[in-house]
């Protein structure tokens, strides 16, 4: 059955490949971005550009664009990574990452709840770097803090939305060759996207709120 799918941050990388997969299998995709790429515009998707979900204005624009859409799946892909350490601490970039990586997905989800269908799904793109138990290298303060915060928000959303029949996935894509990683990594964006789409297909109220790798394994908090 065809779904209405909203991807936050689909201009490039993993988000672009997820948009490609879902559109090719017959779903109706609404792909948001701040500025559209030629690759995104070439896909058979509905592009919603000029959207910065870290701002109230951007979320309001998204709400307006989706005012008549019943959303079956909402996937938050947008994120940023900066690099702070004890020798080079930058509290401005830590705040920036918290706004984009933590607050924006929470704010957007809450803002679009009244448009979610019965049995709808929410996907949050987190990172293994948000795991406290798995942190054995330190550094990257803002990114780690923001993704740990997103994990906590995702778990609370999963519990709070169960009564509405909505399931929440908290997903680490893997070490992917994207702009964020300097195109280093173990897998390409297309492979990560395929895995993530499969995890969203498997998502239900029995496994809602779990922190998983795109390969399906469960990760430590």
N, C-alpha and C. Protein backbone atom coordinates (compact mmCIF):
# COMPACT_ATOMS: atom_id res chain seq x y z
N UNK A 1 0.84 -1.20 0.00
CA UNK A 1 0.00 0.00 0.00
C UNK A 1 0.88 1.25 0.00
N UNK A 2 0.55 2.18 -0.87
CA UNK A 2 1.31 3.42 -0.98
C UNK A 2 1.18 4.25 0.29
N UNK A 3 2.29 4.89 0.68
CA UNK A 3 2.31 5.73 1.87
C UNK A 3 2.62 7.18 1.51
N UNK A 4 2.21 8.10 2.36
CA UNK A 4 2.65 9.48 2.30
C UNK A 4 3.82 9.62 3.27
N UNK A 5 5.01 9.91 2.72
CA UNK A 5 6.23 9.94 3.52
C UNK A 5 6.85 11.33 3.46
N UNK A 6 7.19 11.86 4.63
CA UNK A 6 7.86 13.15 4.73
C UNK A 6 9.28 12.92 5.22
N UNK A 7 10.26 13.40 4.46
CA UNK A 7 11.66 13.29 4.85
C UNK A 7 12.19 14.70 5.13
N UNK A 8 12.65 14.91 6.35
CA UNK A 8 13.24 16.20 6.72
C UNK A 8 14.73 16.14 6.41
N UNK A 9 15.16 16.91 5.43
CA UNK A 9 16.56 16.91 5.04
C UNK A 9 16.84 15.86 3.98
N UNK A 10 16.44 16.13 2.75
CA UNK A 10 16.56 15.13 1.68
C UNK A 10 17.36 15.63 0.49
N UNK A 11 18.13 16.66 0.68
CA UNK A 11 18.82 17.30 -0.44
C UNK A 11 19.97 16.49 -0.99
N UNK A 12 20.59 15.66 -0.13
CA UNK A 12 21.79 14.93 -0.53
C UNK A 12 21.97 13.73 0.39
N UNK A 13 23.00 12.93 0.10
CA UNK A 13 23.39 11.86 1.00
C UNK A 13 22.30 10.85 1.27
N UNK A 14 22.19 10.45 2.53
CA UNK A 14 21.26 9.39 2.91
C UNK A 14 19.82 9.80 2.68
N UNK A 15 19.47 11.03 3.01
CA UNK A 15 18.10 11.50 2.82
C UNK A 15 17.67 11.45 1.37
N UNK A 16 18.57 11.84 0.48
CA UNK A 16 18.30 11.79 -0.95
C UNK A 16 18.05 10.35 -1.39
N UNK A 17 18.88 9.42 -0.92
CA UNK A 17 18.74 8.03 -1.32
C UNK A 17 17.47 7.40 -0.74
N UNK A 18 17.08 7.79 0.45
CA UNK A 18 15.82 7.30 1.01
C UNK A 18 14.64 7.81 0.19
N UNK A 19 14.71 9.06 -0.22
CA UNK A 19 13.65 9.62 -1.07
C UNK A 19 13.56 8.85 -2.38
N UNK A 20 14.72 8.50 -2.93
CA UNK A 20 14.76 7.75 -4.18
C UNK A 20 14.10 6.37 -4.01
N UNK A 21 14.47 5.67 -2.95
CA UNK A 21 13.93 4.33 -2.71
C UNK A 21 12.41 4.36 -2.53
N UNK A 22 11.95 5.24 -1.67
CA UNK A 22 10.51 5.28 -1.39
C UNK A 22 9.71 5.72 -2.61
N UNK A 23 10.22 6.68 -3.37
CA UNK A 23 9.48 7.12 -4.55
C UNK A 23 9.45 6.03 -5.62
N UNK A 24 10.55 5.30 -5.77
CA UNK A 24 10.61 4.25 -6.78
C UNK A 24 9.69 3.08 -6.46
N UNK A 25 9.41 2.87 -5.20
CA UNK A 25 8.51 1.77 -4.87
C UNK A 25 7.04 2.21 -4.82
N UNK A 26 6.78 3.46 -5.16
CA UNK A 26 5.41 3.91 -5.33
C UNK A 26 4.83 4.75 -4.22
N UNK A 27 5.65 5.10 -3.23
CA UNK A 27 5.17 5.97 -2.16
C UNK A 27 5.18 7.42 -2.63
N UNK A 28 4.34 8.23 -2.00
CA UNK A 28 4.32 9.66 -2.27
C UNK A 28 5.24 10.33 -1.27
N UNK A 29 6.31 10.94 -1.77
CA UNK A 29 7.35 11.49 -0.90
C UNK A 29 7.31 13.01 -0.92
N UNK A 30 7.36 13.58 0.28
CA UNK A 30 7.51 15.03 0.46
C UNK A 30 8.89 15.24 1.05
N UNK A 31 9.78 15.82 0.26
CA UNK A 31 11.19 15.94 0.63
C UNK A 31 11.51 17.39 0.96
N UNK A 32 11.92 17.65 2.19
CA UNK A 32 12.22 19.02 2.59
C UNK A 32 13.72 19.30 2.50
N UNK A 33 14.02 20.57 2.30
CA UNK A 33 15.41 21.01 2.25
C UNK A 33 15.44 22.52 2.38
N UNK A 34 16.61 23.05 2.62
CA UNK A 34 16.75 24.51 2.60
C UNK A 34 16.91 24.99 1.16
N UNK A 35 17.75 24.29 0.39
CA UNK A 35 17.92 24.59 -1.03
C UNK A 35 17.98 23.27 -1.79
N UNK A 36 17.16 23.10 -2.82
CA UNK A 36 17.13 21.81 -3.51
C UNK A 36 18.34 21.60 -4.41
N UNK A 37 18.79 20.35 -4.47
CA UNK A 37 19.85 19.97 -5.39
C UNK A 37 19.23 19.50 -6.70
N UNK A 38 20.04 19.46 -7.74
CA UNK A 38 19.56 18.94 -9.02
C UNK A 38 19.16 17.48 -8.89
N UNK A 39 19.90 16.73 -8.06
CA UNK A 39 19.59 15.32 -7.86
C UNK A 39 18.21 15.14 -7.23
N UNK A 40 17.90 15.96 -6.24
CA UNK A 40 16.59 15.86 -5.59
C UNK A 40 15.48 16.27 -6.55
N UNK A 41 15.72 17.33 -7.31
CA UNK A 41 14.69 17.81 -8.24
C UNK A 41 14.45 16.82 -9.38
N UNK A 42 15.41 15.94 -9.63
CA UNK A 42 15.24 14.96 -10.70
C UNK A 42 14.37 13.78 -10.28
N UNK A 43 14.12 13.64 -8.98
CA UNK A 43 13.31 12.52 -8.49
C UNK A 43 11.82 12.84 -8.61
N UNK A 44 11.02 11.79 -8.61
CA UNK A 44 9.57 11.94 -8.66
C UNK A 44 9.04 12.13 -7.25
N UNK A 45 9.38 13.28 -6.66
CA UNK A 45 8.97 13.60 -5.29
C UNK A 45 8.46 15.03 -5.24
N UNK A 46 7.77 15.35 -4.16
CA UNK A 46 7.32 16.71 -3.91
C UNK A 46 8.37 17.42 -3.08
N UNK A 47 9.07 18.38 -3.67
CA UNK A 47 10.14 19.08 -2.98
C UNK A 47 9.57 20.30 -2.25
N UNK A 48 9.84 20.38 -0.95
CA UNK A 48 9.45 21.53 -0.14
C UNK A 48 10.74 22.23 0.26
N UNK A 49 11.08 23.29 -0.42
CA UNK A 49 12.36 23.96 -0.20
C UNK A 49 12.19 25.19 0.70
N UNK A 50 13.31 25.74 1.12
CA UNK A 50 13.28 26.91 1.98
C UNK A 50 12.86 26.60 3.40
N UNK A 51 13.04 25.35 3.82
CA UNK A 51 12.59 24.92 5.14
C UNK A 51 13.80 24.68 6.04
N UNK A 52 13.90 25.47 7.10
CA UNK A 52 14.92 25.28 8.14
C UNK A 52 14.17 24.94 9.42
N UNK A 53 14.15 23.65 9.78
CA UNK A 53 13.33 23.22 10.91
C UNK A 53 13.94 23.57 12.26
N UNK A 54 15.09 24.24 12.27
CA UNK A 54 15.62 24.73 13.53
C UNK A 54 15.04 26.09 13.89
N UNK A 55 14.12 26.60 13.05
CA UNK A 55 13.48 27.88 13.31
C UNK A 55 11.96 27.72 13.36
N UNK A 56 11.30 28.58 14.13
CA UNK A 56 9.84 28.57 14.19
C UNK A 56 9.25 28.87 12.81
N UNK A 57 9.89 29.78 12.08
CA UNK A 57 9.41 30.14 10.75
C UNK A 57 9.46 28.94 9.81
N UNK A 58 10.55 28.18 9.87
CA UNK A 58 10.68 27.01 9.01
C UNK A 58 9.65 25.95 9.31
N UNK A 59 9.39 25.72 10.58
CA UNK A 59 8.39 24.72 10.95
C UNK A 59 7.00 25.18 10.56
N UNK A 60 6.74 26.49 10.70
CA UNK A 60 5.45 27.02 10.27
C UNK A 60 5.25 26.85 8.77
N UNK A 61 6.31 27.07 8.01
CA UNK A 61 6.24 26.89 6.55
C UNK A 61 5.96 25.43 6.21
N UNK A 62 6.59 24.51 6.94
CA UNK A 62 6.37 23.09 6.71
C UNK A 62 4.93 22.70 7.04
N UNK A 63 4.42 23.19 8.15
CA UNK A 63 3.03 22.91 8.51
C UNK A 63 2.07 23.38 7.42
N UNK A 64 2.33 24.53 6.88
CA UNK A 64 1.47 25.07 5.83
C UNK A 64 1.55 24.23 4.57
N UNK A 65 2.76 23.82 4.20
CA UNK A 65 2.94 23.03 2.99
C UNK A 65 2.27 21.66 3.10
N UNK A 66 2.16 21.14 4.32
CA UNK A 66 1.58 19.81 4.53
C UNK A 66 0.18 19.86 5.12
N UNK A 67 -0.47 21.01 5.00
CA UNK A 67 -1.75 21.20 5.67
C UNK A 67 -2.83 20.22 5.22
N UNK A 68 -2.74 19.73 3.99
CA UNK A 68 -3.75 18.80 3.47
C UNK A 68 -3.23 17.38 3.33
N UNK A 69 -2.07 17.10 3.93
CA UNK A 69 -1.43 15.79 3.77
C UNK A 69 -1.61 14.95 5.04
N UNK A 70 -2.07 13.73 4.88
CA UNK A 70 -2.10 12.78 5.98
C UNK A 70 -0.80 11.99 5.93
N UNK A 71 0.04 12.15 6.96
CA UNK A 71 1.40 11.60 6.96
C UNK A 71 1.41 10.19 7.55
N UNK A 72 1.91 9.25 6.77
CA UNK A 72 2.05 7.88 7.26
C UNK A 72 3.42 7.65 7.90
N UNK A 73 4.43 8.34 7.40
CA UNK A 73 5.78 8.15 7.93
C UNK A 73 6.53 9.49 7.88
N UNK A 74 7.09 9.87 9.00
CA UNK A 74 7.87 11.09 9.12
C UNK A 74 9.29 10.71 9.51
N UNK A 75 10.27 11.07 8.65
CA UNK A 75 11.66 10.69 8.92
C UNK A 75 12.53 11.94 9.04
N UNK A 76 13.20 12.06 10.18
CA UNK A 76 14.08 13.19 10.44
C UNK A 76 15.51 12.82 10.09
N UNK A 77 15.99 13.31 8.98
CA UNK A 77 17.35 13.03 8.53
C UNK A 77 18.30 14.20 8.75
N UNK A 78 17.79 15.42 8.76
CA UNK A 78 18.65 16.60 8.82
C UNK A 78 19.50 16.61 10.09
N UNK A 79 20.77 16.96 9.95
CA UNK A 79 21.65 17.04 11.10
C UNK A 79 22.98 17.68 10.73
N UNK A 80 23.70 18.15 11.74
CA UNK A 80 25.01 18.75 11.52
C UNK A 80 25.99 18.19 12.55
N UNK A 81 27.27 18.22 12.21
CA UNK A 81 28.32 17.79 13.13
C UNK A 81 29.46 18.79 13.10
N UNK A 82 29.82 19.28 14.28
CA UNK A 82 30.98 20.15 14.43
C UNK A 82 32.01 19.40 15.28
N UNK A 83 33.10 20.04 15.61
CA UNK A 83 34.17 19.33 16.32
C UNK A 83 34.73 20.17 17.45
N UNK A 84 34.31 19.84 18.68
CA UNK A 84 34.86 20.50 19.86
C UNK A 84 35.65 19.48 20.69
N UNK A 85 36.69 19.95 21.36
CA UNK A 85 37.43 19.13 22.31
C UNK A 85 37.90 20.04 23.43
N UNK A 86 38.57 19.47 24.41
CA UNK A 86 38.97 20.28 25.57
C UNK A 86 39.94 21.38 25.20
N UNK A 87 40.73 21.17 24.17
CA UNK A 87 41.69 22.19 23.74
C UNK A 87 41.05 23.24 22.84
N UNK A 88 39.91 22.89 22.25
CA UNK A 88 39.24 23.80 21.31
C UNK A 88 37.74 23.71 21.54
N UNK A 89 37.30 24.29 22.68
CA UNK A 89 35.89 24.26 23.04
C UNK A 89 35.17 25.44 22.41
N UNK A 90 33.95 25.17 21.90
CA UNK A 90 33.17 26.22 21.26
C UNK A 90 31.71 26.02 21.65
N UNK A 91 31.25 26.83 22.61
CA UNK A 91 29.89 26.65 23.11
C UNK A 91 28.83 27.11 22.11
N UNK A 92 29.22 27.98 21.19
CA UNK A 92 28.27 28.40 20.15
C UNK A 92 27.94 27.23 19.23
N UNK A 93 28.94 26.45 18.82
CA UNK A 93 28.66 25.32 17.94
C UNK A 93 27.95 24.19 18.68
N UNK A 94 28.19 24.07 19.99
CA UNK A 94 27.44 23.09 20.78
C UNK A 94 25.96 23.45 20.79
N UNK A 95 25.66 24.72 21.02
CA UNK A 95 24.26 25.17 21.00
C UNK A 95 23.64 24.97 19.61
N UNK A 96 24.41 25.26 18.57
CA UNK A 96 23.92 25.10 17.20
C UNK A 96 23.52 23.64 16.94
N UNK A 97 24.37 22.71 17.35
CA UNK A 97 24.07 21.30 17.13
C UNK A 97 22.87 20.85 17.95
N UNK A 98 22.73 21.36 19.16
CA UNK A 98 21.58 21.01 19.98
C UNK A 98 20.29 21.49 19.34
N UNK A 99 20.32 22.69 18.77
CA UNK A 99 19.13 23.24 18.10
C UNK A 99 18.74 22.38 16.90
N UNK A 100 19.73 22.02 16.08
CA UNK A 100 19.44 21.30 14.83
C UNK A 100 19.20 19.81 15.07
N UNK A 101 20.04 19.18 15.88
CA UNK A 101 20.00 17.73 16.02
C UNK A 101 19.01 17.22 17.06
N UNK A 102 18.68 18.04 18.04
CA UNK A 102 17.83 17.60 19.14
C UNK A 102 16.48 18.29 19.13
N UNK A 103 16.50 19.61 19.25
CA UNK A 103 15.24 20.34 19.37
C UNK A 103 14.43 20.33 18.08
N UNK A 104 15.09 20.46 16.93
CA UNK A 104 14.36 20.52 15.66
C UNK A 104 13.54 19.25 15.40
N UNK A 105 14.10 18.04 15.55
CA UNK A 105 13.27 16.85 15.35
C UNK A 105 12.11 16.75 16.33
N UNK A 106 12.35 17.12 17.59
CA UNK A 106 11.27 17.09 18.58
C UNK A 106 10.19 18.10 18.23
N UNK A 107 10.59 19.33 17.93
CA UNK A 107 9.65 20.39 17.59
C UNK A 107 8.84 20.03 16.34
N UNK A 108 9.51 19.51 15.32
CA UNK A 108 8.83 19.16 14.08
C UNK A 108 7.83 18.03 14.29
N UNK A 109 8.23 17.02 15.05
CA UNK A 109 7.32 15.91 15.32
C UNK A 109 6.06 16.38 16.02
N UNK A 110 6.23 17.16 17.06
CA UNK A 110 5.08 17.67 17.80
C UNK A 110 4.20 18.55 16.91
N UNK A 111 4.84 19.37 16.07
CA UNK A 111 4.09 20.28 15.20
C UNK A 111 3.25 19.54 14.16
N UNK A 112 3.68 18.33 13.79
CA UNK A 112 2.99 17.58 12.74
C UNK A 112 2.14 16.43 13.27
N UNK A 113 2.02 16.31 14.57
CA UNK A 113 1.27 15.19 15.15
C UNK A 113 -0.17 15.13 14.66
N UNK A 114 -0.79 16.30 14.49
CA UNK A 114 -2.20 16.29 14.07
C UNK A 114 -2.37 15.89 12.61
N UNK A 115 -1.25 15.72 11.88
CA UNK A 115 -1.31 15.28 10.50
C UNK A 115 -0.92 13.81 10.34
N UNK A 116 -0.52 13.17 11.43
CA UNK A 116 -0.09 11.78 11.37
C UNK A 116 -1.29 10.84 11.27
N UNK A 117 -1.16 9.82 10.45
CA UNK A 117 -2.24 8.85 10.26
C UNK A 117 -2.26 7.84 11.40
N UNK A 118 -3.36 7.13 11.54
CA UNK A 118 -3.44 6.06 12.52
C UNK A 118 -2.40 4.99 12.16
N UNK A 119 -1.64 4.55 13.14
CA UNK A 119 -0.59 3.58 12.86
C UNK A 119 0.62 4.19 12.19
N UNK A 120 0.76 5.50 12.26
CA UNK A 120 1.88 6.17 11.61
C UNK A 120 3.22 5.90 12.30
N UNK A 121 4.30 6.29 11.62
CA UNK A 121 5.64 6.01 12.11
C UNK A 121 6.50 7.28 12.07
N UNK A 122 7.40 7.37 13.06
CA UNK A 122 8.37 8.46 13.11
C UNK A 122 9.76 7.85 13.18
N UNK A 123 10.66 8.31 12.31
CA UNK A 123 12.04 7.86 12.33
C UNK A 123 12.97 9.00 12.70
N UNK A 124 13.88 8.75 13.63
CA UNK A 124 14.85 9.74 14.06
C UNK A 124 16.25 9.27 13.69
N UNK A 125 16.96 10.05 12.89
CA UNK A 125 18.33 9.70 12.52
C UNK A 125 19.26 10.17 13.63
N UNK A 126 19.70 9.23 14.43
CA UNK A 126 20.61 9.56 15.51
C UNK A 126 22.02 9.09 15.13
N UNK A 127 22.83 8.78 16.12
CA UNK A 127 24.19 8.31 15.86
C UNK A 127 24.65 7.46 17.03
N UNK A 128 25.49 6.50 16.72
CA UNK A 128 26.13 5.71 17.78
C UNK A 128 26.94 6.62 18.70
N UNK A 129 27.35 7.78 18.19
CA UNK A 129 28.10 8.72 19.02
C UNK A 129 27.23 9.34 20.11
N UNK A 130 25.93 9.12 20.05
CA UNK A 130 25.04 9.55 21.12
C UNK A 130 24.94 8.53 22.23
N UNK A 131 25.58 7.38 22.07
CA UNK A 131 25.57 6.36 23.12
C UNK A 131 26.57 6.73 24.21
N UNK A 132 26.10 6.76 25.45
CA UNK A 132 26.99 7.03 26.58
C UNK A 132 27.81 5.80 26.90
N UNK A 133 27.17 4.63 26.87
CA UNK A 133 27.87 3.39 27.19
C UNK A 133 28.96 3.07 26.19
N UNK A 134 28.80 3.52 24.95
CA UNK A 134 29.73 3.17 23.87
C UNK A 134 30.83 4.21 23.67
N UNK A 135 30.82 5.26 24.47
CA UNK A 135 31.79 6.35 24.29
C UNK A 135 33.12 5.98 24.94
N UNK A 136 34.10 5.61 24.11
CA UNK A 136 35.41 5.27 24.64
C UNK A 136 36.52 6.13 24.03
N UNK A 137 36.10 7.26 23.39
CA UNK A 137 37.10 8.11 22.76
C UNK A 137 36.94 9.60 23.09
N UNK A 138 35.82 9.98 23.72
CA UNK A 138 35.63 11.37 24.11
C UNK A 138 35.49 12.31 22.93
N UNK A 139 35.66 13.61 23.18
CA UNK A 139 35.59 14.62 22.13
C UNK A 139 34.22 14.78 21.50
N UNK A 140 34.16 15.58 20.43
CA UNK A 140 32.91 15.83 19.71
C UNK A 140 31.77 16.14 20.68
N UNK A 141 32.01 17.08 21.59
CA UNK A 141 31.07 17.33 22.67
C UNK A 141 29.67 17.69 22.19
N UNK A 142 29.59 18.63 21.27
CA UNK A 142 28.28 19.06 20.80
C UNK A 142 27.51 17.97 20.09
N UNK A 143 28.18 17.23 19.24
CA UNK A 143 27.51 16.17 18.48
C UNK A 143 27.05 15.06 19.42
N UNK A 144 27.92 14.64 20.33
CA UNK A 144 27.55 13.59 21.27
C UNK A 144 26.37 14.03 22.15
N UNK A 145 26.46 15.24 22.70
CA UNK A 145 25.39 15.75 23.56
C UNK A 145 24.07 15.84 22.80
N UNK A 146 24.13 16.35 21.58
CA UNK A 146 22.90 16.55 20.82
C UNK A 146 22.26 15.23 20.42
N UNK A 147 23.06 14.23 20.10
CA UNK A 147 22.49 12.93 19.71
C UNK A 147 22.03 12.14 20.93
N UNK A 148 22.72 12.27 22.05
CA UNK A 148 22.23 11.65 23.28
C UNK A 148 20.89 12.27 23.68
N UNK A 149 20.79 13.58 23.51
CA UNK A 149 19.52 14.26 23.78
C UNK A 149 18.42 13.80 22.85
N UNK A 150 18.76 13.59 21.57
CA UNK A 150 17.77 13.10 20.62
C UNK A 150 17.31 11.70 21.00
N UNK A 151 18.24 10.86 21.45
CA UNK A 151 17.87 9.52 21.89
C UNK A 151 16.87 9.58 23.04
N UNK A 152 17.13 10.46 24.00
CA UNK A 152 16.23 10.60 25.14
C UNK A 152 14.86 11.11 24.69
N UNK A 153 14.86 12.09 23.79
CA UNK A 153 13.60 12.61 23.27
C UNK A 153 12.83 11.53 22.51
N UNK A 154 13.56 10.74 21.72
CA UNK A 154 12.92 9.67 20.96
C UNK A 154 12.28 8.62 21.84
N UNK A 155 12.97 8.27 22.93
CA UNK A 155 12.42 7.28 23.86
C UNK A 155 11.15 7.81 24.53
N UNK A 156 11.17 9.07 24.92
CA UNK A 156 9.97 9.66 25.52
C UNK A 156 8.83 9.75 24.52
N UNK A 157 9.14 10.13 23.29
CA UNK A 157 8.10 10.18 22.26
C UNK A 157 7.50 8.78 22.04
N UNK A 158 8.34 7.76 22.03
CA UNK A 158 7.85 6.40 21.83
C UNK A 158 6.86 6.01 22.92
N UNK A 159 7.17 6.36 24.15
CA UNK A 159 6.27 6.02 25.26
C UNK A 159 4.99 6.85 25.20
N UNK A 160 5.13 8.14 24.93
CA UNK A 160 3.97 9.04 24.94
C UNK A 160 3.03 8.81 23.77
N UNK A 161 3.56 8.32 22.64
CA UNK A 161 2.74 8.17 21.44
C UNK A 161 2.15 6.77 21.26
N UNK A 162 2.52 5.84 22.15
CA UNK A 162 1.95 4.49 22.05
C UNK A 162 0.43 4.51 22.07
N UNK A 163 -0.13 5.32 22.95
CA UNK A 163 -1.59 5.36 23.09
C UNK A 163 -2.27 5.88 21.84
N UNK A 164 -1.50 6.60 20.99
CA UNK A 164 -2.04 7.10 19.72
C UNK A 164 -1.75 6.14 18.57
N UNK A 165 -1.10 5.03 18.87
CA UNK A 165 -0.78 4.04 17.84
C UNK A 165 0.39 4.41 16.96
N UNK A 166 1.22 5.37 17.41
CA UNK A 166 2.37 5.83 16.63
C UNK A 166 3.65 5.21 17.17
N UNK A 167 4.48 4.66 16.27
CA UNK A 167 5.74 4.03 16.66
C UNK A 167 6.92 4.91 16.27
N UNK A 168 7.97 4.84 17.07
CA UNK A 168 9.15 5.70 16.88
C UNK A 168 10.41 4.84 16.77
N UNK A 169 11.20 5.08 15.71
CA UNK A 169 12.49 4.41 15.51
C UNK A 169 13.62 5.39 15.80
N UNK A 170 14.63 4.91 16.52
CA UNK A 170 15.81 5.71 16.84
C UNK A 170 16.98 4.99 16.16
N UNK A 171 17.46 5.53 15.04
CA UNK A 171 18.32 4.76 14.14
C UNK A 171 19.68 5.40 13.88
N UNK A 172 20.71 4.58 13.99
CA UNK A 172 22.08 4.95 13.61
C UNK A 172 22.34 4.40 12.21
N UNK A 173 22.73 5.23 11.25
CA UNK A 173 22.86 4.76 9.87
C UNK A 173 24.08 3.88 9.62
N UNK A 174 25.07 3.95 10.51
CA UNK A 174 26.35 3.30 10.26
C UNK A 174 27.39 4.37 9.92
N UNK A 175 28.59 3.95 9.63
CA UNK A 175 29.67 4.86 9.23
C UNK A 175 29.57 5.00 7.71
N UNK A 176 28.93 6.10 7.27
CA UNK A 176 28.51 6.25 5.88
C UNK A 176 29.36 7.30 5.18
N UNK A 177 29.64 7.07 3.93
CA UNK A 177 30.46 7.98 3.12
C UNK A 177 29.62 9.16 2.64
N UNK A 178 29.54 10.18 3.51
CA UNK A 178 28.78 11.39 3.20
C UNK A 178 29.65 12.62 3.40
N UNK A 179 29.09 13.79 3.10
CA UNK A 179 29.81 15.04 3.35
C UNK A 179 30.17 15.17 4.83
N UNK A 180 29.26 14.72 5.72
CA UNK A 180 29.48 14.86 7.16
C UNK A 180 30.73 14.10 7.61
N UNK A 181 31.00 12.97 7.00
CA UNK A 181 32.16 12.15 7.39
C UNK A 181 33.38 12.41 6.51
N UNK A 182 33.29 13.43 5.65
CA UNK A 182 34.39 13.68 4.72
C UNK A 182 34.52 12.57 3.68
N UNK A 183 33.38 11.90 3.43
CA UNK A 183 33.30 10.78 2.48
C UNK A 183 34.19 9.60 2.88
N UNK A 184 34.49 9.52 4.18
CA UNK A 184 35.07 8.32 4.74
C UNK A 184 33.92 7.45 5.24
N UNK A 185 34.14 6.18 5.42
CA UNK A 185 33.08 5.33 5.93
C UNK A 185 33.15 3.92 5.40
N UNK A 186 32.29 3.07 5.96
CA UNK A 186 32.27 1.66 5.59
C UNK A 186 31.28 1.36 4.47
N UNK A 187 30.21 2.18 4.38
CA UNK A 187 29.18 1.92 3.38
C UNK A 187 28.79 3.20 2.67
N UNK A 188 28.20 3.05 1.50
CA UNK A 188 27.74 4.19 0.71
C UNK A 188 26.34 4.61 1.16
N UNK A 189 25.93 5.85 0.86
CA UNK A 189 24.61 6.31 1.26
C UNK A 189 23.46 5.43 0.78
N UNK A 190 23.58 4.89 -0.44
CA UNK A 190 22.50 4.06 -0.97
C UNK A 190 22.29 2.81 -0.13
N UNK A 191 23.39 2.21 0.33
CA UNK A 191 23.27 1.00 1.15
C UNK A 191 22.69 1.34 2.52
N UNK A 192 23.15 2.44 3.10
CA UNK A 192 22.59 2.86 4.39
C UNK A 192 21.10 3.14 4.25
N UNK A 193 20.71 3.79 3.16
CA UNK A 193 19.30 4.11 2.94
C UNK A 193 18.46 2.84 2.83
N UNK A 194 18.95 1.85 2.10
CA UNK A 194 18.22 0.59 1.98
C UNK A 194 18.00 -0.05 3.35
N UNK A 195 19.03 -0.04 4.17
CA UNK A 195 18.91 -0.62 5.51
C UNK A 195 17.90 0.15 6.35
N UNK A 196 17.97 1.47 6.29
CA UNK A 196 17.08 2.30 7.10
C UNK A 196 15.63 2.15 6.68
N UNK A 197 15.40 2.06 5.39
CA UNK A 197 14.04 1.84 4.90
C UNK A 197 13.52 0.50 5.42
N UNK A 198 14.37 -0.51 5.44
CA UNK A 198 13.97 -1.82 5.97
C UNK A 198 13.63 -1.73 7.45
N UNK A 199 14.42 -0.98 8.21
CA UNK A 199 14.13 -0.83 9.64
C UNK A 199 12.79 -0.11 9.84
N UNK A 200 12.49 0.86 8.99
CA UNK A 200 11.20 1.55 9.11
C UNK A 200 10.06 0.63 8.72
N UNK A 201 10.27 -0.24 7.75
CA UNK A 201 9.25 -1.23 7.39
C UNK A 201 8.96 -2.15 8.57
N UNK A 202 9.98 -2.49 9.33
CA UNK A 202 9.84 -3.41 10.46
C UNK A 202 9.30 -2.75 11.72
N UNK A 203 9.30 -1.43 11.76
CA UNK A 203 8.90 -0.70 12.97
C UNK A 203 7.44 -0.95 13.32
N UNK A 204 7.19 -1.22 14.60
CA UNK A 204 5.83 -1.40 15.09
C UNK A 204 5.79 -1.04 16.57
N UNK A 205 4.64 -1.21 17.19
CA UNK A 205 4.50 -0.83 18.60
C UNK A 205 5.22 -1.78 19.54
N UNK A 206 5.63 -2.93 19.04
CA UNK A 206 6.38 -3.86 19.88
C UNK A 206 7.85 -3.48 19.98
N UNK A 207 8.41 -2.87 18.92
CA UNK A 207 9.82 -2.49 18.97
C UNK A 207 10.03 -0.98 18.98
N UNK A 208 8.96 -0.23 19.21
CA UNK A 208 9.06 1.23 19.27
C UNK A 208 10.01 1.66 20.39
N UNK A 209 10.75 2.74 20.13
CA UNK A 209 11.62 3.31 21.15
C UNK A 209 12.94 2.60 21.35
N UNK A 210 13.30 1.67 20.47
CA UNK A 210 14.60 1.01 20.59
C UNK A 210 15.65 1.76 19.77
N UNK A 211 16.88 1.68 20.22
CA UNK A 211 18.03 2.35 19.61
C UNK A 211 18.76 1.31 18.77
N UNK A 212 18.68 1.44 17.45
CA UNK A 212 19.19 0.39 16.57
C UNK A 212 20.17 0.92 15.52
N UNK A 213 21.08 0.06 15.16
CA UNK A 213 21.97 0.26 14.01
C UNK A 213 21.15 -0.04 12.75
N UNK A 214 21.53 0.54 11.63
CA UNK A 214 20.81 0.26 10.39
C UNK A 214 20.90 -1.20 9.99
N UNK A 215 21.87 -1.94 10.52
CA UNK A 215 21.97 -3.37 10.21
C UNK A 215 20.99 -4.21 11.03
N UNK A 216 20.25 -3.56 11.92
CA UNK A 216 19.23 -4.24 12.70
C UNK A 216 19.63 -4.55 14.12
N UNK A 217 20.91 -4.47 14.45
CA UNK A 217 21.35 -4.78 15.80
C UNK A 217 20.96 -3.66 16.77
N UNK A 218 20.70 -4.04 18.02
CA UNK A 218 20.34 -3.05 19.03
C UNK A 218 21.60 -2.46 19.64
N UNK A 219 21.60 -1.15 19.89
CA UNK A 219 22.77 -0.45 20.41
C UNK A 219 22.56 -0.09 21.87
N UNK A 220 23.66 0.04 22.62
CA UNK A 220 23.56 0.42 24.04
C UNK A 220 23.29 1.91 24.20
N UNK A 221 22.51 2.23 25.20
CA UNK A 221 22.25 3.65 25.46
C UNK A 221 23.51 4.34 26.04
